[in-house]
Amino acid sequence: MAQDFHGLTFVEYDEDGGETVYKILSRVEPTNSEKTYLIFCEDTDDETAEIFIEAAEVLPADDGGEALFEIESEEEWEMLEEVINTIMSLDDSAN
C-alpha cells in the first residue's frame, strides 16, 4: 500500500496487521539530483528506548502514492549520514 510521506509521521503494517508509527525527521531533496530521501525513526513515548535512525529513497508507487526503497549506493549513504549528523547535533544543542 502506497503512502504520502509529506507529513510528520507515517505508519507501516506488518504481516500480522500490527502497526509501527515512524516520525519523519527530514525529507532530503538534493539540488544535484532528482532523487528524494526520507530520514525517519520509530515514534515512541518511551524515553528510555534506543532510537534507530533509518533512511530510504522515496519513489512513486503504482497506485499514485509513494513507496520507500532501500538505499544501495555508498555515495548516497555518505550524503545522508551528513544530514543525520547535522540533525543529531541540532538535537544535542537543543538540550
Protein backbone atom coordinates (compact mmCIF):
# COMPACT_ATOMS: atom_id res chain seq x y z
CA MET A 1 0.00 0.00 0.00
CA ALA A 2 1.50 3.31 -1.10
CA GLN A 3 1.58 6.32 1.14
CA ASP A 4 2.26 10.04 1.08
CA PHE A 5 5.44 10.81 3.01
CA HIS A 6 4.97 14.60 3.24
CA GLY A 7 3.51 14.69 6.78
CA LEU A 8 5.15 14.39 10.18
CA THR A 9 4.61 10.64 10.59
CA PHE A 10 3.74 7.52 8.64
CA VAL A 11 2.57 4.02 9.58
CA GLU A 12 3.97 0.66 8.44
CA TYR A 13 1.95 -2.54 8.92
CA ASP A 14 3.49 -5.98 9.43
CA GLU A 15 2.08 -9.25 8.09
CA ASP A 16 0.04 -9.76 11.29
CA GLY A 17 -1.67 -6.37 11.00
CA GLY A 18 0.44 -4.77 13.72
CA GLU A 19 1.41 -1.19 13.12
CA THR A 20 4.55 0.83 13.74
CA VAL A 21 4.43 4.62 13.65
CA TYR A 22 7.51 6.42 12.35
CA LYS A 23 8.43 10.06 12.86
CA ILE A 24 9.80 11.81 9.77
CA LEU A 25 12.96 13.69 10.73
CA SER A 26 13.75 15.09 7.30
CA ARG A 27 12.82 14.83 3.66
CA VAL A 28 16.01 15.33 1.63
CA GLU A 29 15.88 16.53 -1.97
CA PRO A 30 19.48 17.19 -3.08
CA THR A 31 19.88 20.02 -5.59
CA ASN A 32 22.25 17.96 -7.74
CA SER A 33 19.81 15.04 -8.07
CA GLU A 34 16.17 14.32 -8.87
CA LYS A 35 16.04 11.75 -6.07
CA THR A 36 14.18 12.18 -2.79
CA TYR A 37 15.12 10.55 0.52
CA LEU A 38 13.36 10.21 3.84
CA ILE A 39 15.14 10.14 7.22
CA PHE A 40 12.96 8.72 9.97
CA CYS A 41 12.82 6.88 13.30
CA GLU A 42 10.21 4.95 15.25
CA ASP A 43 7.85 7.31 17.07
CA THR A 44 7.71 6.21 20.69
CA ASP A 45 6.79 7.76 24.01
CA ASP A 46 9.36 5.54 25.79
CA GLU A 47 12.13 7.99 26.72
CA THR A 48 14.46 5.10 27.63
CA ALA A 49 14.10 3.38 24.25
CA GLU A 50 17.12 3.34 21.97
CA ILE A 51 16.48 5.38 18.83
CA PHE A 52 17.44 3.92 15.46
CA ILE A 53 17.51 6.44 12.64
CA GLU A 54 16.71 4.99 9.24
CA ALA A 55 16.78 6.34 5.70
CA ALA A 56 15.17 5.28 2.45
CA GLU A 57 14.66 6.53 -1.08
CA VAL A 58 11.14 7.74 -1.87
CA LEU A 59 9.84 6.62 -5.26
CA PRO A 60 6.44 6.88 -6.95
CA ALA A 61 4.20 3.85 -6.40
CA ASP A 62 1.96 2.23 -9.00
CA ASP A 63 -1.20 3.48 -7.26
CA GLY A 64 -0.17 7.14 -7.35
CA GLY A 65 1.28 7.39 -3.83
CA GLU A 66 4.86 6.90 -2.75
CA ALA A 67 6.86 3.92 -1.51
CA LEU A 68 10.16 3.58 0.37
CA PHE A 69 13.08 1.68 -1.15
CA GLU A 70 16.44 0.61 0.22
CA ILE A 71 19.41 2.89 -0.48
CA GLU A 72 22.09 0.97 -2.33
CA SER A 73 24.78 3.50 -3.21
CA GLU A 74 27.64 4.23 -0.81
CA GLU A 75 27.69 7.82 -2.12
CA GLU A 76 24.01 8.26 -1.20
CA TRP A 77 24.62 6.86 2.30
CA GLU A 78 27.55 9.24 2.87
CA MET A 79 25.41 12.24 1.90
CA LEU A 80 22.56 11.08 4.17
CA GLU A 81 24.93 10.40 7.08
CA GLU A 82 25.99 14.06 6.88
CA VAL A 83 22.33 15.11 7.12
CA ILE A 84 21.73 12.71 10.03
CA ASN A 85 24.81 14.01 11.86
CA THR A 86 23.52 17.56 11.42
CA ILE A 87 20.10 16.58 12.78
CA MET A 88 21.72 14.87 15.77
CA SER A 89 23.97 17.87 16.51
CA LEU A 90 20.96 20.22 16.39
CA ASP A 91 19.10 17.91 18.78
CA ASP A 92 22.07 17.84 21.17
CA SER A 93 22.39 21.64 21.16
CA ALA A 94 18.67 22.00 21.99
CA ASN A 95 19.11 20.01 25.23
